[in-house]
Protein backbone atom coordinates (compact mmCIF):
# COMPACT_ATOMS: atom_id res chain seq x y z
CA MET A 1 106.64 107.24 113.69
CA ASN A 2 104.65 109.08 111.00
CA SER A 3 105.94 111.17 109.03
CA GLN A 4 103.52 113.79 107.28
CA GLY A 5 100.48 115.37 109.37
CA ASN A 6 100.11 118.82 109.13
CA ILE A 7 101.10 120.52 112.58
CA LEU A 8 100.25 123.75 113.87
CA ILE A 9 102.75 125.76 116.68
CA THR A 10 101.77 128.29 118.79
CA GLY A 11 104.63 130.68 120.64
CA ALA A 12 106.72 129.86 116.26
CA THR A 13 109.14 132.56 117.56
CA GLY A 14 110.39 132.40 120.97
CA PHE A 15 112.41 130.24 121.82
CA THR A 16 111.20 126.96 121.94
CA GLY A 17 109.30 127.48 119.13
CA ILE A 18 111.67 128.56 117.01
CA HIS A 19 113.71 124.78 117.50
CA ALA A 20 110.26 122.79 117.20
CA CYS A 21 109.52 124.90 113.76
CA HIS A 22 112.86 123.38 112.23
CA HIS A 23 112.31 119.98 113.68
CA PHE A 24 108.77 119.05 112.64
CA THR A 25 109.51 120.58 108.64
CA LYS A 26 113.18 118.09 108.98
CA ARG A 27 110.63 115.77 109.79
CA GLY A 28 108.79 115.57 106.60
CA PHE A 29 105.30 117.83 109.19
CA ASN A 30 103.28 121.13 106.75
CA VAL A 31 104.22 123.68 109.58
CA THR A 32 102.27 126.31 110.05
CA ALA A 33 103.68 128.02 112.60
CA VAL A 34 101.35 131.11 114.54
CA ALA A 35 102.81 134.26 115.90
CA ARG A 36 103.09 137.66 116.73
CA LYS A 37 106.04 139.57 114.46
CA THR A 38 108.46 137.86 112.15
CA ALA A 39 111.26 135.73 113.41
CA SER A 40 113.84 133.60 110.95
CA LEU A 41 112.44 129.89 110.46
CA PRO A 42 112.53 127.83 107.72
CA LYS A 43 111.37 128.97 104.42
CA ASN A 44 108.65 125.94 104.22
CA VAL A 45 106.41 127.03 107.04
CA HIS A 46 103.22 129.05 106.32
CA VAL A 47 102.58 132.16 108.80
CA GLU A 48 99.89 133.09 110.40
CA TYR A 49 100.26 136.45 112.79
CA CYS A 50 97.89 136.08 115.07
CA GLU A 51 96.68 137.31 118.46
CA LEU A 52 95.89 134.46 121.12
CA THR A 53 93.95 136.48 123.12
CA ASN A 54 91.67 136.93 120.68
CA LYS A 55 88.54 134.82 120.28
CA LYS A 56 87.99 135.10 116.84
CA GLU A 57 90.75 135.10 115.58
CA ILE A 58 91.07 132.27 116.88
CA GLY A 59 88.69 130.48 115.54
CA ASN A 60 89.10 131.95 112.67
CA LEU A 61 92.61 130.28 112.57
CA ILE A 62 91.53 126.98 112.87
CA GLN A 63 88.33 126.54 111.54
CA LYS A 64 91.14 127.79 108.63
CA VAL A 65 93.64 125.35 108.44
CA ARG A 66 92.24 122.78 110.48
CA PRO A 67 95.56 121.10 112.00
CA GLN A 68 95.77 117.46 113.06
CA TYR A 69 98.00 118.07 114.98
CA VAL A 70 99.06 121.40 117.79
CA LEU A 71 101.84 122.30 119.67
CA HIS A 72 101.07 124.80 122.22
CA LEU A 73 103.95 126.66 123.30
CA ALA A 74 102.59 130.04 123.19
CA GLY A 75 102.51 131.98 126.54
CA GLN A 76 104.32 134.50 128.64
CA ASN A 77 106.99 133.06 130.71
CA HIS A 78 108.72 135.26 132.93
CA VAL A 79 108.57 135.07 136.15
CA GLY A 80 109.02 138.89 136.75
CA GLN A 81 106.35 139.70 133.89
CA SER A 82 103.72 137.41 135.80
CA TRP A 83 104.17 139.93 138.72
CA ASP A 84 104.31 143.81 137.14
CA ASP A 85 101.17 142.21 134.85
CA PRO A 86 99.83 138.79 136.73
CA ILE A 87 96.81 139.56 134.00
CA ALA A 88 98.52 139.62 130.88
CA SER A 89 99.96 136.57 132.67
CA LEU A 90 96.55 134.60 132.96
CA GLU A 91 95.12 135.61 130.00
CA ILE A 92 98.14 134.60 127.41
CA ASN A 93 98.85 132.01 129.23
CA SER A 94 95.52 130.13 130.22
CA LEU A 95 92.22 132.20 129.03
CA ALA A 96 94.35 131.73 125.51
CA THR A 97 95.08 128.10 126.12
CA ALA A 98 90.64 128.22 126.35
CA TYR A 99 90.23 130.00 123.85
CA LEU A 100 92.46 127.40 121.63
CA LEU A 101 90.85 124.36 122.73
CA GLU A 102 86.73 125.66 122.06
CA ALA A 103 88.51 126.26 118.74
CA ILE A 104 90.02 123.21 118.19
CA ARG A 105 86.71 121.35 119.51
CA GLN A 106 84.30 123.40 116.81
CA HIS A 107 86.16 123.28 114.30
CA ALA A 108 89.36 120.83 114.03
CA PRO A 109 87.97 118.04 116.64
CA SER A 110 89.91 114.76 115.90
CA CYS A 111 92.87 117.70 116.01
CA LYS A 112 95.48 115.74 118.48
CA SER A 113 97.20 118.66 121.05
CA VAL A 114 100.06 119.04 123.38
CA ILE A 115 99.60 121.80 126.29
CA VAL A 116 103.08 122.68 127.67
CA GLY A 117 103.00 123.28 131.37
CA SER A 118 105.94 124.18 133.42
CA ALA A 119 107.35 122.98 136.37
CA LEU A 120 106.67 125.79 138.21
CA GLN A 121 102.52 125.07 138.40
CA PHE A 122 101.62 124.44 142.06
CA ASP A 123 99.30 121.80 144.46
CA LEU A 124 96.01 122.96 144.27
CA ASN A 125 95.35 121.67 147.36
CA GLN A 126 98.05 123.31 149.33
CA LEU A 127 97.39 127.11 148.50
CA SER A 128 101.38 127.39 149.95
CA THR A 129 102.74 126.33 147.19
CA LEU A 130 101.59 129.58 145.25
CA SER A 131 104.49 131.21 144.92
CA HIS A 132 104.51 134.05 142.47
CA PRO A 133 101.18 134.63 138.91
CA TYR A 134 103.43 132.26 136.93
CA SER A 135 103.35 129.84 138.81
CA LEU A 136 98.88 130.44 138.60
CA SER A 137 98.56 131.07 134.59
CA LYS A 138 99.99 127.94 134.65
CA THR A 139 98.84 125.84 136.67
CA LEU A 140 95.26 127.58 135.40
CA GLN A 141 96.22 127.11 131.66
CA VAL A 142 96.97 123.19 132.70
CA LEU A 143 93.61 122.79 134.67
CA ILE A 144 91.87 124.71 131.84
CA ALA A 145 93.10 121.69 129.94
CA GLN A 146 92.91 119.17 131.05
CA SER A 147 89.04 119.69 131.78
CA TRP A 148 88.28 120.05 127.94
CA ALA A 149 89.97 117.19 127.43
CA SER A 150 88.07 115.50 130.52
CA LEU A 151 84.24 116.95 130.11
CA TYR A 152 85.32 117.36 125.83
CA HIS A 153 86.14 113.66 125.40
CA MET A 154 89.68 116.03 123.63
CA ASP A 155 93.33 114.41 122.33
CA VAL A 156 94.86 116.80 124.51
CA ILE A 157 98.02 116.12 126.61
CA ILE A 158 99.92 117.84 129.16
CA ALA A 159 104.01 118.06 128.73
CA LYS A 160 105.54 119.93 131.77
CA PRO A 161 109.28 120.75 130.30
CA SER A 162 111.33 121.56 133.09
CA ASN A 163 114.48 123.99 132.97
CA LEU A 164 114.94 123.92 128.87
CA ILE A 165 118.43 125.14 128.37
CA GLY A 166 120.21 125.10 124.26
CA PRO A 167 120.80 127.50 121.49
CA GLY A 168 118.79 131.17 120.63
CA LEU A 169 117.56 133.77 122.39
CA SER A 170 116.65 132.72 125.91
CA ASN A 171 116.25 133.93 129.21
CA GLY A 172 117.26 130.78 130.85
CA VAL A 173 120.15 131.47 133.45
CA CYS A 174 122.33 129.75 131.50
CA SER A 175 122.51 132.04 128.39
CA ILE A 176 123.17 134.55 130.94
CA PHE A 177 125.86 133.12 132.08
CA ALA A 178 126.93 132.11 128.72
CA GLN A 179 126.49 135.94 127.40
CA ARG A 180 128.83 137.48 130.46
CA ILE A 181 131.09 134.90 129.81
CA VAL A 182 131.28 136.15 125.91
CA LYS A 183 132.26 139.12 127.15
CA ILE A 184 134.35 138.69 129.46
CA GLU A 185 135.77 137.26 126.13
CA GLU A 186 136.57 139.44 124.80
CA ASN A 187 137.27 142.57 127.72
CA LYS A 188 133.52 143.43 127.92
CA ALA A 189 132.98 143.06 131.20
CA ASP A 190 134.89 142.25 134.37
CA PRO A 191 134.91 138.21 134.98
CA VAL A 192 133.20 137.79 137.42
CA LEU A 193 129.93 136.08 137.55
CA GLU A 194 127.17 136.65 140.07
CA VAL A 195 124.96 133.49 141.16
CA ASN A 196 122.43 134.90 143.98
CA ASN A 197 123.11 130.40 145.35
CA LEU A 198 125.66 128.10 143.99
CA TYR A 199 123.54 125.37 146.16
CA ASP A 200 119.94 126.45 143.73
CA ARG A 201 119.85 123.17 142.04
CA ARG A 202 117.17 122.96 138.77
CA ASP A 203 116.80 119.94 136.42
CA PHE A 204 118.15 121.28 132.41
CA LEU A 205 117.05 119.52 129.03
CA ASP A 206 118.41 120.75 126.39
CA VAL A 207 115.22 122.86 124.27
CA ARG A 208 115.64 120.25 120.94
CA ASP A 209 115.69 117.07 123.18
CA ALA A 210 112.45 118.25 124.32
CA VAL A 211 111.08 119.42 121.11
CA ARG A 212 111.76 115.38 119.88
CA ALA A 213 109.92 114.49 122.98
CA TYR A 214 106.79 116.81 122.11
CA GLU A 215 107.08 115.66 118.21
CA THR A 216 106.54 111.54 120.59
CA LEU A 217 103.39 112.33 122.92
CA LEU A 218 102.12 114.50 119.79
CA ILE A 219 102.48 109.92 118.07
CA LYS A 220 102.29 107.97 120.93
CA GLY A 221 100.88 109.90 123.55
CA LYS A 222 98.03 109.07 126.03
CA PRO A 223 94.68 111.73 125.97
CA GLN A 224 94.80 113.44 128.93
CA GLU A 225 97.75 112.38 130.27
CA THR A 226 101.01 114.35 131.06
CA TYR A 227 104.36 113.45 130.46
CA GLU A 228 107.25 114.97 132.12
CA VAL A 229 110.05 116.33 129.93
CA THR A 230 112.82 116.10 131.56
CA SER A 231 117.38 115.01 131.97
CA GLY A 232 116.31 113.41 135.80
CA LYS A 233 118.88 114.65 136.64
CA SER A 234 119.70 117.94 138.72
CA LYS A 235 122.86 119.87 138.74
CA SER A 236 123.64 122.99 141.19
CA LEU A 237 124.78 126.42 139.89
CA ASP A 238 128.52 125.45 141.09
CA GLU A 239 127.87 122.43 138.48
CA LEU A 240 126.33 124.85 135.74
CA THR A 241 129.20 126.95 136.30
CA GLU A 242 132.04 124.75 136.93
CA THR A 243 130.77 123.72 133.11
CA PHE A 244 131.20 127.11 132.05
CA LYS A 245 134.75 126.89 133.64
CA ALA A 246 135.65 123.84 132.00
CA LEU A 247 134.66 125.67 127.86
CA THR A 248 136.48 128.22 128.62
CA ALA A 249 139.62 129.77 128.06
CA ILE A 250 139.32 132.45 130.18
CA ASP A 251 139.21 132.43 134.36
CA PHE A 252 137.00 133.75 135.77
CA ASN A 253 135.56 134.38 139.84
CA VAL A 254 131.88 132.87 140.49
CA LYS A 255 130.14 135.21 143.52
CA SER A 256 127.28 133.75 145.73
CA LYS A 257 124.68 136.43 146.89
CA SER A 258 123.78 133.21 149.13
CA SER A 259 125.68 129.95 150.79
CA GLU A 260 122.30 129.16 152.42
CA LYS A 261 121.94 125.70 151.84
CA LEU A 262 118.37 124.91 149.70
CA GLU A 263 116.54 121.87 149.82
CA SER A 264 113.57 122.19 147.93
CA PHE A 265 113.81 121.29 145.35
CA VAL A 266 112.05 118.65 143.41
CA GLU A 267 112.97 115.94 141.51
CA MET A 268 111.35 114.95 137.73
CA THR A 269 111.63 112.02 136.23
CA PRO A 270 110.85 110.84 132.26
CA LEU A 271 110.22 107.34 133.20
CA LYS A 272 107.21 107.86 131.18
CA LEU A 273 108.36 109.56 128.36
CA ASN A 274 110.76 107.16 127.84
CA ASP A 275 108.60 104.25 127.92
CA LEU A 276 107.37 105.45 124.89
CA GLY A 277 111.30 105.14 123.20
CA TRP A 278 112.42 109.08 124.20
CA GLU A 279 115.40 109.07 125.04
CA GLN A 280 117.30 111.63 125.32
CA GLU A 281 120.41 112.44 123.47
CA LEU A 282 122.10 116.27 124.51
CA SER A 283 125.02 116.26 127.89
CA PHE A 284 124.26 118.63 129.80
CA SER A 285 128.08 119.71 127.90
CA SER A 286 127.35 119.75 124.62
CA SER A 287 124.58 121.78 125.65
CA LEU A 288 126.35 124.45 127.01
CA LYS A 289 129.17 124.26 124.72
CA ASP A 290 126.35 125.61 121.93
CA ILE A 291 124.95 127.89 124.36
CA LEU A 292 128.27 129.94 124.04
CA ASP A 293 129.26 129.31 120.20
CA PHE A 294 125.79 130.95 119.50
CA TYR A 295 126.05 134.08 121.66
CA ARG A 296 129.60 134.04 120.00
CA GLN A 297 128.39 133.93 116.90
CA LYS A 298 126.71 136.87 117.96
């Protein structure tokens, strides 16, 4: 696999972005991190501050850097926030992607890009599958990326990740549970973990495995293809809490708000990624342990 190249990473100060900057730096890439704020990034990462919803700023950035690769991670990824401000979600997730791709088309046409979508995209043929503005914004983002790739014959790949977990600041359920457990360990909270529904099933993948997958797609992925970045194995929230119990010396009770059995989970598969040589390396349990250790150290 190519160990050199200029890569531009948007959303570089986010949960996945920080891991991506560390990974690609270690792999020998020249990394330009696009950020709106400061963060703890490797010393040899070049940081560019840019507002991605500003068409002129993005154009100037791509013209200056002229990347060989782009990993587009930036976006608003909180469902609750999308209800509060749906227009902002559309701007950063959809419109900013159009600005970015247009800038690449004009100033770095040979660049290869991975646009990171979401497992929460809805089916355009079934409007009933649209459940929140976040889903709309990410679905439109992917549609824009596919359209630019098709209309202008650009080297664009869509990554569709499942729930990414691992050490670092995250709003995901695993991080929320881990923070609570650490507080219980420190006698700062009652030994109770509240969940919405223990039957709720999700596909969890370590963010470090996901970043390796993004590198695989940038090097080996086929233009205009969509790849599911996933473990391919769903876990219930009951399994999640039981795994956490095995990783801590303290005992805690689990309180479920609902006992209704759910049948809406849609399986994802990493087979297309596997065909490119990618394999999951980090187990579910090891990821949860690393999350706990992260918050214990904080």
